[in-house]
Amino acid sequence: SVDGETAKVEHQDGGESKVETVKAGQTLHGSQLKVEKVEALLTQDK
C-alpha cells in the first residue's frame, strides 16, 4: 500500500512474512535497495 509519502512493503524474513513502512531515502530491510520515490497512482483497467 501507499499512503501519502509512505509505503508498506512486504518481504520474507526467515520464512516469515514481514511488512515494513518506508519513505523516499530509506533502504529496504535486508538489502541495499534504496527507496527513490513513493507514488500513489489510480488508473483504470480496459
ModelCIF file with pLDDT and N, C-alpha, C, O atoms, coordinates in Angstrom:
data_MODEL
#
_entry.id   MODEL 
#
_entity.id                         1 
_entity.type                       polymer 
_entity.pdbx_number_of_molecules   1 
#
_entity_poly.entity_id                      1 
_entity_poly.type                           'polypeptide(L)' 
_entity_poly.nstd_linkage                   no 
_entity_poly.nstd_monomer                   no 
_entity_poly.pdbx_seq_one_letter_code       SVDGETAKVEHQDGGESKVETVKAGQTLHGSQLKVEKVEALLTQDK 
_entity_poly.pdbx_seq_one_letter_code_can   SVDGETAKVEHQDGGESKVETVKAGQTLHGSQLKVEKVEALLTQDK 
_entity_poly.pdbx_strand_id                 A 
#
loop_
_entity_poly_seq.entity_id 
_entity_poly_seq.num 
_entity_poly_seq.mon_id 
_entity_poly_seq.hetero 
1 1  SER n 
1 2  VAL n 
1 3  ASP n 
1 4  GLY n 
1 5  GLU n 
1 6  THR n 
1 7  ALA n 
1 8  LYS n 
1 9  VAL n 
1 10 GLU n 
1 11 HIS n 
1 12 GLN n 
1 13 ASP n 
1 14 GLY n 
1 15 GLY n 
1 16 GLU n 
1 17 SER n 
1 18 LYS n 
1 19 VAL n 
1 20 GLU n 
1 21 THR n 
1 22 VAL n 
1 23 LYS n 
1 24 ALA n 
1 25 GLY n 
1 26 GLN n 
1 27 THR n 
1 28 LEU n 
1 29 HIS n 
1 30 GLY n 
1 31 SER n 
1 32 GLN n 
1 33 LEU n 
1 34 LYS n 
1 35 VAL n 
1 36 GLU n 
1 37 LYS n 
1 38 VAL n 
1 39 GLU n 
1 40 ALA n 
1 41 LEU n 
1 42 LEU n 
1 43 THR n 
1 44 GLN n 
1 45 ASP n 
1 46 LYS n 
#
_struct_asym.id          A 
_struct_asym.entity_id   1 
#
loop_
_ma_qa_metric.id 
_ma_qa_metric.mode 
_ma_qa_metric.name 
_ma_qa_metric.software_group_id 
_ma_qa_metric.type 
1 global pLDDT . pLDDT 
2 local  pLDDT . pLDDT 
#
_ma_qa_metric_global.metric_id      1 
_ma_qa_metric_global.metric_value   90.80 
_ma_qa_metric_global.model_id       1 
_ma_qa_metric_global.ordinal_id     1 
#
loop_
_ma_qa_metric_local.label_asym_id 
_ma_qa_metric_local.label_comp_id 
_ma_qa_metric_local.label_seq_id 
_ma_qa_metric_local.metric_id 
_ma_qa_metric_local.metric_value 
_ma_qa_metric_local.model_id 
_ma_qa_metric_local.ordinal_id 
A SER 1  2 94.00 1 1  
A VAL 2  2 95.00 1 2  
A ASP 3  2 94.00 1 3  
A GLY 4  2 92.00 1 4  
A GLU 5  2 94.00 1 5  
A THR 6  2 96.00 1 6  
A ALA 7  2 96.00 1 7  
A LYS 8  2 96.00 1 8  
A VAL 9  2 95.00 1 9  
A GLU 10 2 93.00 1 10 
A HIS 11 2 90.00 1 11 
A GLN 12 2 78.00 1 12 
A ASP 13 2 72.00 1 13 
A GLY 14 2 71.00 1 14 
A GLY 15 2 76.00 1 15 
A GLU 16 2 84.00 1 16 
A SER 17 2 88.00 1 17 
A LYS 18 2 91.00 1 18 
A VAL 19 2 93.00 1 19 
A GLU 20 2 94.00 1 20 
A THR 21 2 96.00 1 21 
A VAL 22 2 96.00 1 22 
A LYS 23 2 95.00 1 23 
A ALA 24 2 94.00 1 24 
A GLY 25 2 93.00 1 25 
A GLN 26 2 95.00 1 26 
A THR 27 2 93.00 1 27 
A LEU 28 2 92.00 1 28 
A HIS 29 2 86.00 1 29 
A GLY 30 2 83.00 1 30 
A SER 31 2 87.00 1 31 
A GLN 32 2 89.00 1 32 
A LEU 33 2 90.00 1 33 
A LYS 34 2 93.00 1 34 
A VAL 35 2 95.00 1 35 
A GLU 36 2 95.00 1 36 
A LYS 37 2 95.00 1 37 
A VAL 38 2 96.00 1 38 
A GLU 39 2 95.00 1 39 
A ALA 40 2 94.00 1 40 
A LEU 41 2 93.00 1 41 
A LEU 42 2 92.00 1 42 
A THR 43 2 92.00 1 43 
A GLN 44 2 90.00 1 44 
A ASP 45 2 87.00 1 45 
A LYS 46 2 89.00 1 46 
#
loop_
_atom_site.group_PDB 
_atom_site.id 
_atom_site.type_symbol 
_atom_site.label_atom_id 
_atom_site.label_alt_id 
_atom_site.label_comp_id 
_atom_site.label_asym_id 
_atom_site.label_entity_id 
_atom_site.label_seq_id 
_atom_site.pdbx_PDB_ins_code 
_atom_site.Cartn_x 
_atom_site.Cartn_y 
_atom_site.Cartn_z 
_atom_site.occupancy 
_atom_site.B_iso_or_equiv 
_atom_site.pdbx_formal_charge 
_atom_site.auth_seq_id 
_atom_site.auth_comp_id 
_atom_site.auth_asym_id 
_atom_site.auth_atom_id 
_atom_site.pdbx_PDB_model_num 
ATOM 1   N N  . SER A 1 1  ? 0.840   -1.211  0.000   1.00 94.00 ? 1  SER A N  1 
ATOM 2   C CA . SER A 1 1  ? 0.000   0.000   0.000   1.00 94.00 ? 1  SER A CA 1 
ATOM 3   C C  . SER A 1 1  ? 0.870   1.254   0.000   1.00 94.00 ? 1  SER A C  1 
ATOM 4   O O  . SER A 1 1  ? 2.046   1.228   0.362   1.00 94.00 ? 1  SER A O  1 
ATOM 5   N N  . VAL A 1 2  ? 0.242   2.353   -0.421  1.00 95.00 ? 2  VAL A N  1 
ATOM 6   C CA . VAL A 1 2  ? 0.873   3.671   -0.377  1.00 95.00 ? 2  VAL A CA 1 
ATOM 7   C C  . VAL A 1 2  ? -0.093  4.610   0.320   1.00 95.00 ? 2  VAL A C  1 
ATOM 8   O O  . VAL A 1 2  ? -1.283  4.639   0.008   1.00 95.00 ? 2  VAL A O  1 
ATOM 9   N N  . ASP A 1 3  ? 0.428   5.379   1.270   1.00 94.00 ? 3  ASP A N  1 
ATOM 10  C CA . ASP A 1 3  ? -0.377  6.366   1.983   1.00 94.00 ? 3  ASP A CA 1 
ATOM 11  C C  . ASP A 1 3  ? 0.454   7.642   2.061   1.00 94.00 ? 3  ASP A C  1 
ATOM 12  O O  . ASP A 1 3  ? 1.356   7.765   2.890   1.00 94.00 ? 3  ASP A O  1 
ATOM 13  N N  . GLY A 1 4  ? 0.130   8.589   1.180   1.00 92.00 ? 4  GLY A N  1 
ATOM 14  C CA . GLY A 1 4  ? 0.899   9.828   1.124   1.00 92.00 ? 4  GLY A CA 1 
ATOM 15  C C  . GLY A 1 4  ? 2.317   9.574   0.664   1.00 92.00 ? 4  GLY A C  1 
ATOM 16  O O  . GLY A 1 4  ? 2.539   9.097   -0.449  1.00 92.00 ? 4  GLY A O  1 
ATOM 17  N N  . GLU A 1 5  ? 3.291   9.896   1.525   1.00 94.00 ? 5  GLU A N  1 
ATOM 18  C CA . GLU A 1 5  ? 4.701   9.734   1.179   1.00 94.00 ? 5  GLU A CA 1 
ATOM 19  C C  . GLU A 1 5  ? 5.300   8.444   1.729   1.00 94.00 ? 5  GLU A C  1 
ATOM 20  O O  . GLU A 1 5  ? 6.503   8.219   1.602   1.00 94.00 ? 5  GLU A O  1 
ATOM 21  N N  . THR A 1 6  ? 4.471   7.592   2.341   1.00 96.00 ? 6  THR A N  1 
ATOM 22  C CA . THR A 1 6  ? 4.973   6.337   2.896   1.00 96.00 ? 6  THR A CA 1 
ATOM 23  C C  . THR A 1 6  ? 4.348   5.150   2.177   1.00 96.00 ? 6  THR A C  1 
ATOM 24  O O  . THR A 1 6  ? 3.259   5.234   1.609   1.00 96.00 ? 6  THR A O  1 
ATOM 25  N N  . ALA A 1 7  ? 5.080   4.039   2.224   1.00 96.00 ? 7  ALA A N  1 
ATOM 26  C CA . ALA A 1 7  ? 4.611   2.808   1.587   1.00 96.00 ? 7  ALA A CA 1 
ATOM 27  C C  . ALA A 1 7  ? 4.836   1.642   2.530   1.00 96.00 ? 7  ALA A C  1 
ATOM 28  O O  . ALA A 1 7  ? 5.775   1.642   3.325   1.00 96.00 ? 7  ALA A O  1 
ATOM 29  N N  . LYS A 1 8  ? 3.962   0.645   2.434   1.00 96.00 ? 8  LYS A N  1 
ATOM 30  C CA . LYS A 1 8  ? 4.135   -0.597  3.181   1.00 96.00 ? 8  LYS A CA 1 
ATOM 31  C C  . LYS A 1 8  ? 4.624   -1.642  2.182   1.00 96.00 ? 8  LYS A C  1 
ATOM 32  O O  . LYS A 1 8  ? 3.973   -1.916  1.174   1.00 96.00 ? 8  LYS A O  1 
ATOM 33  N N  . VAL A 1 9  ? 5.795   -2.222  2.491   1.00 95.00 ? 9  VAL A N  1 
ATOM 34  C CA . VAL A 1 9  ? 6.436   -3.196  1.611   1.00 95.00 ? 9  VAL A CA 1 
ATOM 35  C C  . VAL A 1 9  ? 6.602   -4.502  2.372   1.00 95.00 ? 9  VAL A C  1 
ATOM 36  O O  . VAL A 1 9  ? 7.099   -4.526  3.498   1.00 95.00 ? 9  VAL A O  1 
ATOM 37  N N  . GLU A 1 10 ? 6.169   -5.600  1.727   1.00 93.00 ? 10 GLU A N  1 
ATOM 38  C CA . GLU A 1 10 ? 6.251   -6.925  2.341   1.00 93.00 ? 10 GLU A CA 1 
ATOM 39  C C  . GLU A 1 10 ? 7.493   -7.652  1.842   1.00 93.00 ? 10 GLU A C  1 
ATOM 40  O O  . GLU A 1 10 ? 7.870   -7.533  0.676   1.00 93.00 ? 10 GLU A O  1 
ATOM 41  N N  . HIS A 1 11 ? 8.127   -8.413  2.744   1.00 90.00 ? 11 HIS A N  1 
ATOM 42  C CA . HIS A 1 11 ? 9.279   -9.238  2.373   1.00 90.00 ? 11 HIS A CA 1 
ATOM 43  C C  . HIS A 1 11 ? 9.315   -10.463 3.278   1.00 90.00 ? 11 HIS A C  1 
ATOM 44  O O  . HIS A 1 11 ? 8.655   -10.501 4.317   1.00 90.00 ? 11 HIS A O  1 
ATOM 45  N N  . GLN A 1 12 ? 10.081  -11.451 2.877   1.00 78.00 ? 12 GLN A N  1 
ATOM 46  C CA . GLN A 1 12 ? 10.239  -12.665 3.671   1.00 78.00 ? 12 GLN A CA 1 
ATOM 47  C C  . GLN A 1 12 ? 11.456  -12.504 4.566   1.00 78.00 ? 12 GLN A C  1 
ATOM 48  O O  . GLN A 1 12 ? 12.514  -12.069 4.112   1.00 78.00 ? 12 GLN A O  1 
ATOM 49  N N  . ASP A 1 13 ? 11.307  -12.854 5.829   1.00 72.00 ? 13 ASP A N  1 
ATOM 50  C CA . ASP A 1 13 ? 12.402  -12.774 6.786   1.00 72.00 ? 13 ASP A CA 1 
ATOM 51  C C  . ASP A 1 13 ? 12.432  -14.083 7.561   1.00 72.00 ? 13 ASP A C  1 
ATOM 52  O O  . ASP A 1 13 ? 11.626  -14.306 8.464   1.00 72.00 ? 13 ASP A O  1 
ATOM 53  N N  . GLY A 1 14 ? 13.375  -14.944 7.195   1.00 71.00 ? 14 GLY A N  1 
ATOM 54  C CA . GLY A 1 14 ? 13.464  -16.248 7.857   1.00 71.00 ? 14 GLY A CA 1 
ATOM 55  C C  . GLY A 1 14 ? 12.231  -17.099 7.649   1.00 71.00 ? 14 GLY A C  1 
ATOM 56  O O  . GLY A 1 14 ? 11.818  -17.832 8.548   1.00 71.00 ? 14 GLY A O  1 
ATOM 57  N N  . GLY A 1 15 ? 11.632  -17.005 6.447   1.00 76.00 ? 15 GLY A N  1 
ATOM 58  C CA . GLY A 1 15 ? 10.439  -17.781 6.136   1.00 76.00 ? 15 GLY A CA 1 
ATOM 59  C C  . GLY A 1 15 ? 9.152   -17.140 6.611   1.00 76.00 ? 15 GLY A C  1 
ATOM 60  O O  . GLY A 1 15 ? 8.062   -17.633 6.320   1.00 76.00 ? 15 GLY A O  1 
ATOM 61  N N  . GLU A 1 16 ? 9.273   -16.039 7.345   1.00 84.00 ? 16 GLU A N  1 
ATOM 62  C CA . GLU A 1 16 ? 8.104   -15.340 7.868   1.00 84.00 ? 16 GLU A CA 1 
ATOM 63  C C  . GLU A 1 16 ? 7.884   -14.056 7.067   1.00 84.00 ? 16 GLU A C  1 
ATOM 64  O O  . GLU A 1 16 ? 8.838   -13.353 6.733   1.00 84.00 ? 16 GLU A O  1 
ATOM 65  N N  . SER A 1 17 ? 6.621   -13.760 6.764   1.00 88.00 ? 17 SER A N  1 
ATOM 66  C CA . SER A 1 17 ? 6.276   -12.558 6.013   1.00 88.00 ? 17 SER A CA 1 
ATOM 67  C C  . SER A 1 17 ? 6.257   -11.344 6.949   1.00 88.00 ? 17 SER A C  1 
ATOM 68  O O  . SER A 1 17 ? 5.574   -11.343 7.973   1.00 88.00 ? 17 SER A O  1 
ATOM 69  N N  . LYS A 1 18 ? 7.019   -10.314 6.576   1.00 91.00 ? 18 LYS A N  1 
ATOM 70  C CA . LYS A 1 18 ? 7.087   -9.086  7.381   1.00 91.00 ? 18 LYS A CA 1 
ATOM 71  C C  . LYS A 1 18 ? 6.724   -7.896  6.501   1.00 91.00 ? 18 LYS A C  1 
ATOM 72  O O  . LYS A 1 18 ? 6.986   -7.906  5.298   1.00 91.00 ? 18 LYS A O  1 
ATOM 73  N N  . VAL A 1 19 ? 6.125   -6.878  7.095   1.00 93.00 ? 19 VAL A N  1 
ATOM 74  C CA . VAL A 1 19 ? 5.779   -5.650  6.382   1.00 93.00 ? 19 VAL A CA 1 
ATOM 75  C C  . VAL A 1 19 ? 6.497   -4.497  7.056   1.00 93.00 ? 19 VAL A C  1 
ATOM 76  O O  . VAL A 1 19 ? 6.432   -4.336  8.275   1.00 93.00 ? 19 VAL A O  1 
ATOM 77  N N  . GLU A 1 20 ? 7.182   -3.696  6.253   1.00 94.00 ? 20 GLU A N  1 
ATOM 78  C CA . GLU A 1 20 ? 7.852   -2.520  6.791   1.00 94.00 ? 20 GLU A CA 1 
ATOM 79  C C  . GLU A 1 20 ? 7.302   -1.266  6.123   1.00 94.00 ? 20 GLU A C  1 
ATOM 80  O O  . GLU A 1 20 ? 6.873   -1.302  4.969   1.00 94.00 ? 20 GLU A O  1 
ATOM 81  N N  . THR A 1 21 ? 7.318   -0.173  6.849   1.00 96.00 ? 21 THR A N  1 
ATOM 82  C CA . THR A 1 21 ? 6.864   1.111   6.326   1.00 96.00 ? 21 THR A CA 1 
ATOM 83  C C  . THR A 1 21 ? 8.100   1.916   5.942   1.00 96.00 ? 21 THR A C  1 
ATOM 84  O O  . THR A 1 21 ? 9.014   2.088   6.748   1.00 96.00 ? 21 THR A O  1 
ATOM 85  N N  . VAL A 1 22 ? 8.119   2.409   4.703   1.00 96.00 ? 22 VAL A N  1 
ATOM 86  C CA . VAL A 1 22 ? 9.287   3.133   4.195   1.00 96.00 ? 22 VAL A CA 1 
ATOM 87  C C  . VAL A 1 22 ? 8.865   4.416   3.482   1.00 96.00 ? 22 VAL A C  1 
ATOM 88  O O  . VAL A 1 22 ? 7.705   4.592   3.110   1.00 96.00 ? 22 VAL A O  1 
ATOM 89  N N  . LYS A 1 23 ? 9.836   5.300   3.305   1.00 95.00 ? 23 LYS A N  1 
ATOM 90  C CA . LYS A 1 23 ? 9.616   6.511   2.516   1.00 95.00 ? 23 LYS A CA 1 
ATOM 91  C C  . LYS A 1 23 ? 10.895  6.789   1.732   1.00 95.00 ? 23 LYS A C  1 
ATOM 92  O O  . LYS A 1 23 ? 11.924  6.154   1.963   1.00 95.00 ? 23 LYS A O  1 
ATOM 93  N N  . ALA A 1 24 ? 10.824  7.743   0.803   1.00 94.00 ? 24 ALA A N  1 
ATOM 94  C CA . ALA A 1 24 ? 11.963  8.067   -0.048  1.00 94.00 ? 24 ALA A CA 1 
ATOM 95  C C  . ALA A 1 24 ? 13.203  8.340   0.793   1.00 94.00 ? 24 ALA A C  1 
ATOM 96  O O  . ALA A 1 24 ? 13.138  9.026   1.813   1.00 94.00 ? 24 ALA A O  1 
ATOM 97  N N  . GLY A 1 25 ? 14.340  7.791   0.351   1.00 93.00 ? 25 GLY A N  1 
ATOM 98  C CA . GLY A 1 25 ? 15.611  7.981   1.040   1.00 93.00 ? 25 GLY A CA 1 
ATOM 99  C C  . GLY A 1 25 ? 15.993  6.827   1.940   1.00 93.00 ? 25 GLY A C  1 
ATOM 100 O O  . GLY A 1 25 ? 17.156  6.701   2.324   1.00 93.00 ? 25 GLY A O  1 
ATOM 101 N N  . GLN A 1 26 ? 15.024  5.971   2.286   1.00 95.00 ? 26 GLN A N  1 
ATOM 102 C CA . GLN A 1 26 ? 15.319  4.841   3.167   1.00 95.00 ? 26 GLN A CA 1 
ATOM 103 C C  . GLN A 1 26 ? 15.753  3.624   2.348   1.00 95.00 ? 26 GLN A C  1 
ATOM 104 O O  . GLN A 1 26 ? 15.494  3.536   1.147   1.00 95.00 ? 26 GLN A O  1 
ATOM 105 N N  . THR A 1 27 ? 16.415  2.695   3.025   1.00 93.00 ? 27 THR A N  1 
ATOM 106 C CA . THR A 1 27 ? 16.855  1.443   2.417   1.00 93.00 ? 27 THR A CA 1 
ATOM 107 C C  . THR A 1 27 ? 15.956  0.319   2.920   1.00 93.00 ? 27 THR A C  1 
ATOM 108 O O  . THR A 1 27 ? 15.626  0.263   4.104   1.00 93.00 ? 27 THR A O  1 
ATOM 109 N N  . LEU A 1 28 ? 15.559  -0.585  2.004   1.00 92.00 ? 28 LEU A N  1 
ATOM 110 C CA . LEU A 1 28 ? 14.712  -1.708  2.400   1.00 92.00 ? 28 LEU A CA 1 
ATOM 111 C C  . LEU A 1 28 ? 15.482  -2.676  3.288   1.00 92.00 ? 28 LEU A C  1 
ATOM 112 O O  . LEU A 1 28 ? 16.652  -2.965  3.036   1.00 92.00 ? 28 LEU A O  1 
ATOM 113 N N  . HIS A 1 29 ? 14.826  -3.168  4.319   1.00 86.00 ? 29 HIS A N  1 
ATOM 114 C CA . HIS A 1 29 ? 15.405  -4.104  5.274   1.00 86.00 ? 29 HIS A CA 1 
ATOM 115 C C  . HIS A 1 29 ? 16.046  -5.294  4.554   1.00 86.00 ? 29 HIS A C  1 
ATOM 116 O O  . HIS A 1 29 ? 15.439  -5.902  3.673   1.00 86.00 ? 29 HIS A O  1 
ATOM 117 N N  . GLY A 1 30 ? 17.270  -5.611  4.943   1.00 83.00 ? 30 GLY A N  1 
ATOM 118 C CA . GLY A 1 30 ? 17.939  -6.794  4.415   1.00 83.00 ? 30 GLY A CA 1 
ATOM 119 C C  . GLY A 1 30 ? 18.458  -6.647  2.998   1.00 83.00 ? 30 GLY A C  1 
ATOM 120 O O  . GLY A 1 30 ? 18.766  -7.646  2.348   1.00 83.00 ? 30 GLY A O  1 
ATOM 121 N N  . SER A 1 31 ? 18.561  -5.407  2.504   1.00 87.00 ? 31 SER A N  1 
ATOM 122 C CA . SER A 1 31 ? 19.037  -5.210  1.129   1.00 87.00 ? 31 SER A CA 1 
ATOM 123 C C  . SER A 1 31 ? 19.812  -3.907  1.026   1.00 87.00 ? 31 SER A C  1 
ATOM 124 O O  . SER A 1 31 ? 19.941  -3.162  1.997   1.00 87.00 ? 31 SER A O  1 
ATOM 125 N N  . GLN A 1 32 ? 20.327  -3.648  -0.175  1.00 89.00 ? 32 GLN A N  1 
ATOM 126 C CA . GLN A 1 32 ? 20.962  -2.368  -0.476  1.00 89.00 ? 32 GLN A CA 1 
ATOM 127 C C  . GLN A 1 32 ? 20.008  -1.480  -1.267  1.00 89.00 ? 32 GLN A C  1 
ATOM 128 O O  . GLN A 1 32 ? 20.360  -0.358  -1.631  1.00 89.00 ? 32 GLN A O  1 
ATOM 129 N N  . LEU A 1 33 ? 18.798  -1.979  -1.534  1.00 90.00 ? 33 LEU A N  1 
ATOM 130 C CA . LEU A 1 33 ? 17.842  -1.241  -2.361  1.00 90.00 ? 33 LEU A CA 1 
ATOM 131 C C  . LEU A 1 33 ? 17.332  -0.010  -1.625  1.00 90.00 ? 33 LEU A C  1 
ATOM 132 O O  . LEU A 1 33 ? 16.798  -0.096  -0.519  1.00 90.00 ? 33 LEU A O  1 
ATOM 133 N N  . LYS A 1 34 ? 17.512  1.139   -2.272  1.00 93.00 ? 34 LYS A N  1 
ATOM 134 C CA . LYS A 1 34 ? 17.129  2.418   -1.682  1.00 93.00 ? 34 LYS A CA 1 
ATOM 135 C C  . LYS A 1 34 ? 15.828  2.909   -2.318  1.00 93.00 ? 34 LYS A C  1 
ATOM 136 O O  . LYS A 1 34 ? 15.676  2.876   -3.539  1.00 93.00 ? 34 LYS A O  1 
ATOM 137 N N  . VAL A 1 35 ? 14.902  3.359   -1.489  1.00 95.00 ? 35 VAL A N  1 
ATOM 138 C CA . VAL A 1 35 ? 13.635  3.900   -1.972  1.00 95.00 ? 35 VAL A CA 1 
ATOM 139 C C  . VAL A 1 35 ? 13.912  5.282   -2.567  1.00 95.00 ? 35 VAL A C  1 
ATOM 140 O O  . VAL A 1 35 ? 14.325  6.211   -1.873  1.00 95.00 ? 35 VAL A O  1 
ATOM 141 N N  . GLU A 1 36 ? 13.673  5.381   -3.864  1.00 95.00 ? 36 GLU A N  1 
ATOM 142 C CA . GLU A 1 36 ? 13.902  6.642   -4.560  1.00 95.00 ? 36 GLU A CA 1 
ATOM 143 C C  . GLU A 1 36 ? 12.634  7.498   -4.580  1.00 95.00 ? 36 GLU A C  1 
ATOM 144 O O  . GLU A 1 36 ? 12.685  8.720   -4.442  1.00 95.00 ? 36 GLU A O  1 
ATOM 145 N N  . LYS A 1 37 ? 11.480  6.809   -4.758  1.00 95.00 ? 37 LYS A N  1 
ATOM 146 C CA . LYS A 1 37 ? 10.229  7.556   -4.905  1.00 95.00 ? 37 LYS A CA 1 
ATOM 147 C C  . LYS A 1 37 ? 9.054   6.685   -4.472  1.00 95.00 ? 37 LYS A C  1 
ATOM 148 O O  . LYS A 1 37 ? 9.030   5.485   -4.746  1.00 95.00 ? 37 LYS A O  1 
ATOM 149 N N  . VAL A 1 38 ? 8.077   7.296   -3.795  1.00 96.00 ? 38 VAL A N  1 
ATOM 150 C CA . VAL A 1 38 ? 6.816   6.652   -3.419  1.00 96.00 ? 38 VAL A CA 1 
ATOM 151 C C  . VAL A 1 38 ? 5.725   7.422   -4.135  1.00 96.00 ? 38 VAL A C  1 
ATOM 152 O O  . VAL A 1 38 ? 5.634   8.643   -4.013  1.00 96.00 ? 38 VAL A O  1 
ATOM 153 N N  . GLU A 1 39 ? 4.899   6.709   -4.880  1.00 95.00 ? 39 GLU A N  1 
ATOM 154 C CA . GLU A 1 39 ? 3.906   7.386   -5.727  1.00 95.00 ? 39 GLU A CA 1 
ATOM 155 C C  . GLU A 1 39 ? 2.552   6.689   -5.668  1.00 95.00 ? 39 GLU A C  1 
ATOM 156 O O  . GLU A 1 39 ? 2.442   5.506   -5.992  1.00 95.00 ? 39 GLU A O  1 
ATOM 157 N N  . ALA A 1 40 ? 1.521   7.424   -5.253  1.00 94.00 ? 40 ALA A N  1 
ATOM 158 C CA . ALA A 1 40 ? 0.148   6.902   -5.266  1.00 94.00 ? 40 ALA A CA 1 
ATOM 159 C C  . ALA A 1 40 ? -0.414  7.140   -6.665  1.00 94.00 ? 40 ALA A C  1 
ATOM 160 O O  . ALA A 1 40 ? -0.449  8.278   -7.133  1.00 94.00 ? 40 ALA A O  1 
ATOM 161 N N  . LEU A 1 41 ? -0.851  6.075   -7.332  1.00 93.00 ? 41 LEU A N  1 
ATOM 162 C CA . LEU A 1 41 ? -1.397  6.176   -8.690  1.00 93.00 ? 41 LEU A CA 1 
ATOM 163 C C  . LEU A 1 41 ? -2.719  5.433   -8.793  1.00 93.00 ? 41 LEU A C  1 
ATOM 164 O O  . LEU A 1 41 ? -2.807  4.252   -8.460  1.00 93.00 ? 41 LEU A O  1 
ATOM 165 N N  . LEU A 1 42 ? -3.724  6.122   -9.247  1.00 92.00 ? 42 LEU A N  1 
ATOM 166 C CA . LEU A 1 42 ? -5.003  5.483   -9.527  1.00 92.00 ? 42 LEU A CA 1 
ATOM 167 C C  . LEU A 1 42 ? -5.222  5.564   -11.026 1.00 92.00 ? 42 LEU A C  1 
ATOM 168 O O  . LEU A 1 42 ? -5.045  6.621   -11.633 1.00 92.00 ? 42 LEU A O  1 
ATOM 169 N N  . THR A 1 43 ? -5.610  4.437   -11.622 1.00 92.00 ? 43 THR A N  1 
ATOM 170 C CA . THR A 1 43 ? -5.847  4.372   -13.055 1.00 92.00 ? 43 THR A CA 1 
ATOM 171 C C  . THR A 1 43 ? -7.071  3.504   -13.300 1.00 92.00 ? 43 THR A C  1 
ATOM 172 O O  . THR A 1 43 ? -7.794  3.165   -12.363 1.00 92.00 ? 43 THR A O  1 
ATOM 173 N N  . GLN A 1 44 ? -7.307  3.144   -14.558 1.00 90.00 ? 44 GLN A N  1 
ATOM 174 C CA . GLN A 1 44 ? -8.451  2.302   -14.905 1.00 90.00 ? 44 GLN A CA 1 
ATOM 175 C C  . GLN A 1 44 ? -7.991  1.128   -15.754 1.00 90.00 ? 44 GLN A C  1 
ATOM 176 O O  . GLN A 1 44 ? -7.026  1.228   -16.513 1.00 90.00 ? 44 GLN A O  1 
ATOM 177 N N  . ASP A 1 45 ? -8.705  0.006   -15.611 1.00 87.00 ? 45 ASP A N  1 
ATOM 178 C CA . ASP A 1 45 ? -8.415  -1.130  -16.484 1.00 87.00 ? 45 ASP A CA 1 
ATOM 179 C C  . ASP A 1 45 ? -9.128  -0.909  -17.819 1.00 87.00 ? 45 ASP A C  1 
ATOM 180 O O  . ASP A 1 45 ? -9.760  0.128   -18.021 1.00 87.00 ? 45 ASP A O  1 
ATOM 181 N N  . LYS A 1 46 ? -9.029  -1.877  -18.726 1.00 89.00 ? 46 LYS A N  1 
ATOM 182 C CA . LYS A 1 46 ? -9.604  -1.727  -20.074 1.00 89.00 ? 46 LYS A CA 1 
ATOM 183 C C  . LYS A 1 46 ? -11.119 -1.564  -20.069 1.00 89.00 ? 46 LYS A C  1 
ATOM 184 O O  . LYS A 1 46 ? -11.729 -1.428  -21.130 1.00 89.00 ? 46 LYS A O  1 
#
